[in-house]
Amino acid sequence: MNQTDGAAHAASARLVVRTVAVDETEPLIPRADPRHPLVWMRRGEGIVGLGEVVRIETSGAHRVEDAAAAWTSLAELARIDDRVGLPGTGLVAFGAFAFADESEATSVLIVPELVMGRRDGRAWVTRISLDTGDDEATDASGSAEVALPEPAPKRQVPRVAFTPGSVPPEAYEAAVAEAVRRIDAGELEKVVLARQLVGELHEDAGLRATINRLAEDYPDTWVFAVDGLIGASPETLVRVDHGTVSARVLAGTASRGAGEASDRERALALAASEKDRAEHALAVQSAVKRLAPHTARLDTSPEPFTLQLPNLWHLATDLKGTLGDGSSSLDLVRAVHPTAAVAGTPRRVALPVIAELEGFDRGRYAGPVGWIDGGGDGEWAIALRCAQVDADGTVTAFAGCGIVHDSVPADELAETVMKFRPIVEAFGG
């Protein structure tokens, strides 16, 4: 069965979904599956999934479009009893998509058997099952009496020793220099180049401790785990909630200072940097251009602001608007991915340059990651500060930088080291 047929087959499943409120105060991440975690959290709120009822897999240039169509069909057939009515209740799927059309990595939407969620001080549990046609069994599967897994005791993070991947530091600097040459020659304005670190996971403790470390150290990011893709992204690709659409664009980076005065100086220098502001403006223009056709109104922050993370500063712009065409969150994901923040400008030129100069398959790095509900609403981030954990224990971490005409190869390499820090530390580095 090819992947398009697989998506169509998954979309024909009939699901029974029931969400009920619960009194629950325990943190959610310690309840995640240590081997196959499904997590979407920010500031202690979000959803954690257990088990797998349906998996939709797609690939190629139409991977998001095919997944969106399959999801719409699946949601239309589902019997949903949602007694809470918050973002993340009812029928949901966790998703992760490959960055490039030609990637060998599959893109997935995973519908769990059990979803535990918390938002705005309220907690809930959703049970999802296949409709067997037996009303008595169906009613039982949706029972409010749900046995939740006990939180796991806190563990030490697994220790992974990372080494450079297929692009060692000197090769990365050479790639940056070549990109600057092409930019100066007028071939393009910006291109994002990434590199890898590779390690091996030997321990049996699973991945909960790694995810928990990311959530504790980077609470203001989207902490995610979907099909082995684990990370803490500061960048909202798109969020749709009852007709409102929002996004956060990040481009332009500086390291944190050693003390309060130094830290403030670095933030001010970033805000005033012509290089970083130019790079940021390209990313914002790209996002606005691709979202505007789907909105009745779209506003942006009047000026970029400095976003503080534990290890660095970013220039950031928030976008917020009203949907004008009934698009689902996946429809908007398809419209905006890949953004200039992770690809470049113009996109049609930047993508082949990335493929040539990086020399490796990004997989799901810098692709969309998040969740969608039965009505098409959802939250999607760009998979940054992340690693892919394969079934054989291989851990591949990624970090990239936006290259513009005055980029300095050694500085860009140093920036990747900063951006690797969250995931390297989360694996005990």
Protein backbone atom coordinates (compact mmCIF):
# COMPACT_ATOMS: atom_id res chain seq x y z
CA MET A 1 0.00 0.00 0.00
CA ASN A 2 1.53 3.36 -0.97
CA GLN A 3 1.30 6.31 1.36
CA THR A 4 -1.53 8.05 -0.49
CA ASP A 5 -3.57 4.85 -0.35
CA GLY A 6 -2.61 4.51 3.33
CA ALA A 7 -3.87 8.00 4.09
CA ALA A 8 -7.14 7.30 2.30
CA HIS A 9 -7.56 4.02 4.17
CA ALA A 10 -6.92 5.71 7.53
CA ALA A 11 -9.38 8.46 6.65
CA SER A 12 -12.17 5.92 6.21
CA ALA A 13 -11.95 4.78 9.84
CA ARG A 14 -14.94 5.61 12.02
CA LEU A 15 -13.91 6.93 15.42
CA VAL A 16 -15.80 7.36 18.67
CA VAL A 17 -14.51 10.27 20.76
CA ARG A 18 -15.48 11.39 24.23
CA THR A 19 -13.93 14.18 26.30
CA VAL A 20 -14.78 14.65 29.97
CA ALA A 21 -13.50 17.04 32.63
CA VAL A 22 -11.38 15.58 35.41
CA ASP A 23 -9.87 16.81 38.66
CA GLU A 24 -6.19 16.43 37.94
CA THR A 25 -3.24 18.41 39.27
CA GLU A 26 -0.28 16.16 38.46
CA PRO A 27 2.08 17.32 35.67
CA LEU A 28 1.28 15.76 32.32
CA ILE A 29 4.72 14.93 30.92
CA PRO A 30 5.53 12.24 33.54
CA ARG A 31 2.47 10.35 32.25
CA ALA A 32 3.77 10.25 28.66
CA ASP A 33 4.85 6.99 27.05
CA PRO A 34 8.63 6.77 27.55
CA ARG A 35 9.20 4.98 24.23
CA HIS A 36 6.67 6.70 21.97
CA PRO A 37 5.85 10.04 23.61
CA LEU A 38 3.19 12.32 22.18
CA VAL A 39 3.53 15.71 23.83
CA TRP A 40 2.54 19.32 23.14
CA MET A 41 3.16 21.63 26.08
CA ARG A 42 3.84 25.26 26.91
CA ARG A 43 4.02 26.78 30.40
CA GLY A 44 2.65 23.55 31.89
CA GLU A 45 -0.43 23.52 29.65
CA GLY A 46 -1.17 21.36 26.63
CA ILE A 47 -1.89 17.76 25.72
CA VAL A 48 -0.21 14.37 26.10
CA GLY A 49 -1.31 11.36 24.08
CA LEU A 50 -1.03 7.63 24.76
CA GLY A 51 -1.42 4.79 22.30
CA GLU A 52 -2.33 5.02 18.63
CA VAL A 53 -5.73 4.47 17.03
CA VAL A 54 -5.06 5.88 13.55
CA ARG A 55 -1.89 6.90 11.75
CA ILE A 56 -2.01 8.96 8.56
CA GLU A 57 1.28 8.94 6.64
CA THR A 58 2.04 11.09 3.60
CA SER A 59 5.09 12.18 1.63
CA GLY A 60 6.15 14.29 -1.33
CA ALA A 61 5.12 17.72 -2.51
CA HIS A 62 1.46 17.23 -1.49
CA ARG A 63 2.13 15.73 1.95
CA VAL A 64 0.32 18.47 3.92
CA GLU A 65 -2.54 18.73 1.43
CA ASP A 66 -3.02 14.94 1.43
CA ALA A 67 -2.94 14.81 5.22
CA ALA A 68 -5.45 17.67 5.46
CA ALA A 69 -7.85 15.90 3.11
CA ALA A 70 -7.52 12.61 4.97
CA TRP A 71 -8.04 14.38 8.29
CA THR A 72 -11.17 16.15 7.08
CA SER A 73 -12.65 12.83 5.97
CA LEU A 74 -11.74 11.17 9.26
CA ALA A 75 -13.23 14.01 11.33
CA GLU A 76 -16.47 14.02 9.32
CA LEU A 77 -17.04 10.33 10.10
CA ALA A 78 -16.21 10.61 13.81
CA ARG A 79 -18.82 10.56 16.59
CA ILE A 80 -17.60 13.25 19.00
CA ASP A 81 -18.93 13.94 22.48
CA ASP A 82 -16.88 16.87 23.83
CA ARG A 83 -18.05 18.01 27.25
CA VAL A 84 -15.21 20.51 27.85
CA GLY A 85 -14.88 22.58 24.68
CA LEU A 86 -11.36 23.94 25.04
CA PRO A 87 -8.51 23.97 22.48
CA GLY A 88 -7.16 20.41 22.45
CA THR A 89 -10.39 18.65 23.48
CA GLY A 90 -12.48 16.34 21.31
CA LEU A 91 -10.85 14.57 18.39
CA VAL A 92 -7.17 15.51 18.02
CA ALA A 93 -4.13 14.29 16.13
CA PHE A 94 -0.48 15.05 16.78
CA GLY A 95 1.45 15.84 13.60
CA ALA A 96 4.98 16.24 12.24
CA PHE A 97 5.83 16.99 8.62
CA ALA A 98 9.01 16.72 6.61
CA PHE A 99 10.71 19.98 5.68
CA ALA A 100 11.36 19.24 2.01
CA ASP A 101 9.21 17.83 -0.78
CA GLU A 102 11.92 15.31 -1.69
CA SER A 103 12.65 14.19 1.90
CA GLU A 104 12.76 10.48 2.63
CA ALA A 105 11.16 11.15 6.04
CA THR A 106 7.47 10.38 6.24
CA SER A 107 5.01 12.98 7.49
CA VAL A 108 2.51 11.80 10.08
CA LEU A 109 -0.74 12.57 11.85
CA ILE A 110 -1.22 10.31 14.89
CA VAL A 111 -4.56 9.90 16.66
CA PRO A 112 -3.95 8.58 20.21
CA GLU A 113 -6.20 6.27 22.20
CA LEU A 114 -6.07 8.52 25.24
CA VAL A 115 -5.42 12.26 25.51
CA MET A 116 -4.78 14.05 28.78
CA GLY A 117 -4.96 17.84 28.67
CA ARG A 118 -4.82 20.98 30.74
CA ARG A 119 -5.59 24.59 29.83
CA ASP A 120 -6.80 27.67 31.72
CA GLY A 121 -6.89 25.80 35.01
CA ARG A 122 -9.11 23.00 33.67
CA ALA A 123 -8.13 19.39 33.01
CA TRP A 124 -9.69 16.74 30.81
CA VAL A 125 -9.34 13.26 29.39
CA THR A 126 -10.33 12.18 25.90
CA ARG A 127 -10.84 8.53 24.97
CA ILE A 128 -10.72 7.69 21.23
CA SER A 129 -11.59 4.30 19.79
CA LEU A 130 -12.65 2.65 16.55
CA ASP A 131 -16.38 2.34 16.07
CA THR A 132 -17.11 -1.40 16.07
CA GLY A 133 -20.81 -0.93 15.39
CA ASP A 134 -21.58 -2.34 18.84
CA ASP A 135 -23.42 0.44 20.70
CA GLU A 136 -22.82 -1.16 24.09
CA ALA A 137 -19.08 -1.47 23.46
CA THR A 138 -18.98 2.02 22.03
CA ASP A 139 -20.65 3.47 25.12
CA ALA A 140 -18.20 1.62 27.33
CA SER A 141 -15.21 2.95 25.40
CA GLY A 142 -16.43 6.46 26.04
CA SER A 143 -16.99 5.97 29.73
CA ALA A 144 -16.00 8.79 32.00
CA GLU A 145 -14.32 6.23 34.28
CA VAL A 146 -10.84 6.41 32.75
CA ALA A 147 -7.87 4.82 34.48
CA LEU A 148 -5.02 7.28 34.04
CA PRO A 149 -1.42 6.05 34.08
CA GLU A 150 0.49 6.93 37.21
CA PRO A 151 3.15 9.62 36.82
CA ALA A 152 6.60 8.13 36.45
CA PRO A 153 9.22 8.99 39.08
CA LYS A 154 11.66 11.68 38.02
CA ARG A 155 14.72 10.24 36.27
CA GLN A 156 18.06 11.57 35.21
CA VAL A 157 18.22 12.59 31.55
CA PRO A 158 19.75 9.92 29.30
CA ARG A 159 23.36 10.62 28.35
CA VAL A 160 24.06 11.02 24.66
CA ALA A 161 27.52 11.96 23.38
CA PHE A 162 27.07 14.05 20.23
CA THR A 163 29.59 14.36 17.39
CA PRO A 164 29.38 16.39 14.16
CA GLY A 165 27.17 14.86 11.48
CA SER A 166 27.75 14.91 7.73
CA VAL A 167 28.73 18.61 7.78
CA PRO A 168 31.65 19.18 10.21
CA PRO A 169 32.32 22.73 11.44
CA GLU A 170 34.85 23.62 8.76
CA ALA A 171 32.53 22.40 6.00
CA TYR A 172 29.69 24.45 7.50
CA GLU A 173 31.80 27.60 7.44
CA ALA A 174 32.68 26.89 3.80
CA ALA A 175 28.99 26.47 2.97
CA VAL A 176 28.19 29.79 4.65
CA ALA A 177 30.96 31.51 2.68
CA GLU A 178 29.59 30.09 -0.57
CA ALA A 179 26.08 31.22 0.35
CA VAL A 180 27.35 34.77 1.00
CA ARG A 181 29.10 34.71 -2.38
CA ARG A 182 25.83 33.82 -4.12
CA ILE A 183 23.91 36.46 -2.17
CA ASP A 184 26.48 39.11 -3.09
CA ALA A 185 26.18 37.98 -6.73
CA GLY A 186 22.44 38.74 -6.58
CA GLU A 187 21.20 35.15 -6.84
CA LEU A 188 19.10 35.45 -3.66
CA GLU A 189 18.69 37.63 -0.56
CA LYS A 190 18.80 35.07 2.24
CA VAL A 191 19.27 31.34 2.74
CA VAL A 192 19.08 29.28 5.94
CA LEU A 193 21.81 26.69 6.35
CA ALA A 194 21.75 24.00 9.02
CA ARG A 195 24.10 21.38 10.35
CA GLN A 196 23.73 18.18 12.39
CA LEU A 197 25.02 16.57 15.53
CA VAL A 198 24.65 12.79 15.83
CA GLY A 199 24.64 10.56 18.89
CA GLU A 200 23.30 7.24 20.14
CA LEU A 201 20.75 6.59 22.86
CA HIS A 202 21.68 3.49 24.87
CA GLU A 203 19.64 3.83 28.04
CA ASP A 204 16.33 2.13 28.76
CA ALA A 205 14.80 4.99 30.73
CA GLY A 206 13.10 6.39 27.66
CA LEU A 207 12.57 9.98 26.69
CA ARG A 208 10.34 11.45 29.40
CA ALA A 209 13.28 12.91 31.33
CA THR A 210 14.59 14.62 28.19
CA ILE A 211 11.18 16.16 27.43
CA ASN A 212 10.76 17.21 31.05
CA ARG A 213 14.18 18.90 31.03
CA LEU A 214 13.19 20.91 27.95
CA ALA A 215 9.88 21.91 29.57
CA GLU A 216 11.59 23.00 32.79
CA ASP A 217 14.43 24.89 31.11
CA TYR A 218 12.42 26.46 28.26
CA PRO A 219 8.88 26.96 29.61
CA ASP A 220 7.98 29.69 27.09
CA THR A 221 8.60 27.44 24.08
CA TRP A 222 6.40 24.79 22.47
CA VAL A 223 7.80 21.54 23.90
CA PHE A 224 6.89 18.70 21.57
CA ALA A 225 7.34 15.00 20.98
CA VAL A 226 5.80 13.37 17.91
CA ASP A 227 6.96 10.09 16.37
CA GLY A 228 10.50 10.44 17.74
CA LEU A 229 10.83 14.15 16.93
CA ILE A 230 11.58 15.94 20.21
CA GLY A 231 12.28 19.60 20.82
CA ALA A 232 11.44 23.00 22.27
CA SER A 233 10.49 25.50 19.58
CA PRO A 234 10.11 29.23 20.23
CA GLU A 235 8.47 29.85 16.85
CA THR A 236 4.72 29.56 16.26
CA LEU A 237 4.15 28.71 12.61
CA VAL A 238 0.38 29.19 12.81
CA ARG A 239 -2.41 28.87 15.35
CA VAL A 240 -6.12 28.75 14.50
CA ASP A 241 -8.78 29.06 17.19
CA HIS A 242 -12.44 29.63 16.22
CA GLY A 243 -11.66 31.89 13.28
CA THR A 244 -8.70 33.71 14.80
CA VAL A 245 -5.28 33.11 13.29
CA SER A 246 -1.95 33.98 14.89
CA ALA A 247 1.75 33.38 14.28
CA ARG A 248 5.12 34.41 15.66
CA VAL A 249 8.06 35.08 13.35
CA LEU A 250 11.62 34.79 14.68
CA ALA A 251 14.73 35.82 12.77
CA GLY A 252 17.82 37.52 14.13
CA THR A 253 19.73 36.08 17.07
CA ALA A 254 22.17 37.14 19.78
CA SER A 255 23.70 35.33 22.74
CA ARG A 256 22.72 36.23 26.29
CA GLY A 257 25.07 38.38 28.34
CA ALA A 258 27.03 37.20 31.37
CA GLY A 259 25.39 39.76 33.67
CA GLU A 260 22.32 41.97 33.73
CA ALA A 261 24.04 44.99 32.15
CA SER A 262 25.76 42.90 29.47
CA ASP A 263 22.52 41.05 28.74
CA ARG A 264 20.61 44.30 28.27
CA GLU A 265 23.33 45.65 25.97
CA ARG A 266 23.16 42.56 23.77
CA ALA A 267 19.38 42.83 23.49
CA LEU A 268 19.64 46.50 22.51
CA ALA A 269 22.41 45.72 20.01
CA LEU A 270 20.26 43.01 18.42
CA ALA A 271 17.29 45.38 18.15
CA ALA A 272 19.51 47.96 16.43
CA SER A 273 21.46 45.55 14.18
CA GLU A 274 20.91 46.35 10.50
CA LYS A 275 21.89 42.80 9.53
CA ASP A 276 19.45 41.16 11.93
CA ARG A 277 16.63 43.61 11.21
CA ALA A 278 17.02 43.04 7.47
CA GLU A 279 16.95 39.26 7.95
CA HIS A 280 13.90 39.61 10.19
CA ALA A 281 12.05 41.84 7.75
CA LEU A 282 12.40 39.20 5.01
CA ALA A 283 10.89 36.57 7.30
CA VAL A 284 7.95 38.80 8.28
CA GLN A 285 7.25 39.77 4.66
CA SER A 286 7.19 36.08 3.72
CA ALA A 287 4.72 35.19 6.49
CA VAL A 288 2.41 38.13 5.72
CA LYS A 289 2.45 37.40 1.99
CA ARG A 290 1.36 33.79 2.52
CA LEU A 291 -1.17 34.34 5.30
CA ALA A 292 -2.86 37.48 3.96
CA PRO A 293 -4.85 35.74 1.16
CA HIS A 294 -6.57 33.57 3.79
CA THR A 295 -7.48 36.36 6.21
CA ALA A 296 -10.07 39.10 6.35
CA ARG A 297 -7.67 41.08 8.52
CA LEU A 298 -4.03 40.57 9.50
CA ASP A 299 -2.08 42.79 11.91
CA THR A 300 1.59 42.66 12.84
CA SER A 301 3.61 44.06 15.71
CA PRO A 302 4.55 47.65 14.76
CA GLU A 303 8.22 46.93 15.45
CA PRO A 304 10.11 43.70 16.06
CA PHE A 305 10.66 43.03 19.76
CA THR A 306 13.42 41.13 21.53
CA LEU A 307 12.30 37.73 22.80
CA GLN A 308 14.28 36.44 25.76
CA LEU A 309 15.09 32.74 26.00
CA PRO A 310 17.40 31.17 28.59
CA ASN A 311 20.30 30.85 26.14
CA LEU A 312 19.75 33.62 23.57
CA TRP A 313 17.79 36.62 22.31
CA HIS A 314 15.63 36.60 19.17
CA LEU A 315 14.04 39.37 17.17
CA ALA A 316 10.33 38.55 17.06
CA THR A 317 7.15 39.79 15.39
CA ASP A 318 3.64 38.61 16.25
CA LEU A 319 0.92 38.33 13.61
CA LYS A 320 -2.78 38.12 14.44
CA GLY A 321 -5.83 38.21 12.24
CA THR A 322 -9.24 36.86 11.34
CA LEU A 323 -9.73 34.01 8.90
CA GLY A 324 -11.54 35.01 5.74
CA ASP A 325 -11.90 31.73 3.85
CA GLY A 326 -12.61 29.01 6.42
CA SER A 327 -9.14 27.49 6.17
CA SER A 328 -8.13 24.81 8.65
CA SER A 329 -4.86 25.03 10.52
CA LEU A 330 -3.37 22.48 8.10
CA ASP A 331 -4.52 24.56 5.13
CA LEU A 332 -2.54 27.47 6.58
CA VAL A 333 0.43 25.24 7.33
CA ARG A 334 0.48 24.31 3.66
CA ALA A 335 0.28 27.99 2.67
CA VAL A 336 3.13 29.25 4.85
CA HIS A 337 5.62 26.37 4.96
CA PRO A 338 8.52 26.73 4.52
CA THR A 339 8.85 30.26 5.82
CA ALA A 340 11.75 32.56 5.02
CA ALA A 341 12.85 32.09 8.65
CA VAL A 342 13.87 28.48 7.89
CA ALA A 343 14.30 28.51 4.11
CA GLY A 344 15.23 31.89 2.64
CA THR A 345 14.23 34.54 0.11
CA PRO A 346 13.16 34.05 -2.61
CA ARG A 347 11.98 30.62 -1.56
CA ARG A 348 12.11 29.04 -5.02
CA VAL A 349 15.83 29.90 -5.21
CA ALA A 350 16.70 29.21 -1.57
CA LEU A 351 15.36 25.64 -1.44
CA PRO A 352 17.69 24.19 -4.11
CA VAL A 353 20.60 26.11 -2.58
CA ILE A 354 19.83 24.48 0.79
CA ALA A 355 19.73 21.03 -0.80
CA GLU A 356 23.07 21.68 -2.51
CA LEU A 357 25.04 23.35 0.28
CA GLU A 358 23.73 21.44 3.31
CA GLY A 359 24.22 18.06 1.73
CA PHE A 360 21.82 16.12 3.98
CA ASP A 361 18.11 15.40 4.32
CA ARG A 362 16.64 17.66 7.03
CA GLY A 363 13.88 15.14 7.66
CA ARG A 364 11.31 16.83 9.90
CA TYR A 365 13.72 19.47 11.20
CA ALA A 366 12.32 22.96 10.40
CA GLY A 367 9.06 21.34 9.29
CA PRO A 368 5.63 21.88 10.86
CA VAL A 369 4.95 20.12 14.18
CA GLY A 370 1.83 20.41 16.33
CA TRP A 371 -1.77 19.25 16.55
CA ILE A 372 -5.15 19.62 14.83
CA ASP A 373 -8.66 19.02 16.15
CA GLY A 374 -11.84 17.74 14.55
CA GLY A 375 -12.93 21.22 13.47
CA GLY A 376 -9.61 22.05 11.84
CA ASP A 377 -8.32 24.31 14.62
CA GLY A 378 -4.86 23.65 15.97
CA GLU A 379 -1.44 24.87 16.99
CA TRP A 380 1.64 24.39 14.83
CA ALA A 381 5.24 25.37 15.48
CA ILE A 382 8.36 25.13 13.37
CA ALA A 383 10.41 22.13 14.54
CA LEU A 384 13.48 23.94 15.89
CA ARG A 385 15.86 23.20 18.80
CA CYS A 386 15.06 19.59 18.14
CA ALA A 387 16.34 16.09 17.45
CA GLN A 388 14.95 13.03 15.71
CA VAL A 389 15.27 9.82 17.71
CA ASP A 390 15.15 6.78 15.43
CA ALA A 391 14.05 3.27 16.37
CA ASP A 392 17.68 2.06 16.45
CA GLY A 393 18.62 4.71 19.04
CA THR A 394 20.28 7.14 16.65
CA VAL A 395 19.72 10.73 17.77
CA THR A 396 20.18 13.46 15.15
CA ALA A 397 20.06 17.06 16.37
CA PHE A 398 19.77 20.07 14.06
CA ALA A 399 20.52 23.79 14.18
CA GLY A 400 20.60 26.43 11.45
CA CYS A 401 21.18 30.11 10.78
CA GLY A 402 19.86 32.67 8.35
CA ILE A 403 22.64 33.75 5.98
CA VAL A 404 22.54 37.24 4.47
CA HIS A 405 25.09 39.36 2.60
CA ASP A 406 27.13 40.39 5.65
CA SER A 407 27.10 37.04 7.46
CA VAL A 408 30.47 35.93 8.86
CA PRO A 409 31.05 32.14 8.69
CA ALA A 410 32.68 31.86 12.14
CA ASP A 411 29.84 33.85 13.72
CA GLU A 412 27.18 31.68 12.10
CA LEU A 413 28.95 28.54 13.32
CA ALA A 414 28.98 29.99 16.85
CA GLU A 415 25.25 30.71 16.54
CA THR A 416 24.54 27.05 15.71
CA VAL A 417 26.40 26.06 18.88
CA MET A 418 24.04 28.30 20.89
CA LYS A 419 21.03 26.82 19.16
CA PHE A 420 22.18 23.24 19.79
CA ARG A 421 22.42 23.91 23.52
CA PRO A 422 18.79 23.14 24.52
CA ILE A 423 18.69 19.70 22.92
CA VAL A 424 22.29 18.76 23.83
CA GLU A 425 21.68 19.62 27.48
CA ALA A 426 18.35 17.80 27.45
CA PHE A 427 20.30 14.67 26.48
CA GLY A 428 22.78 15.14 29.31
CA GLY A 429 25.44 17.08 27.39
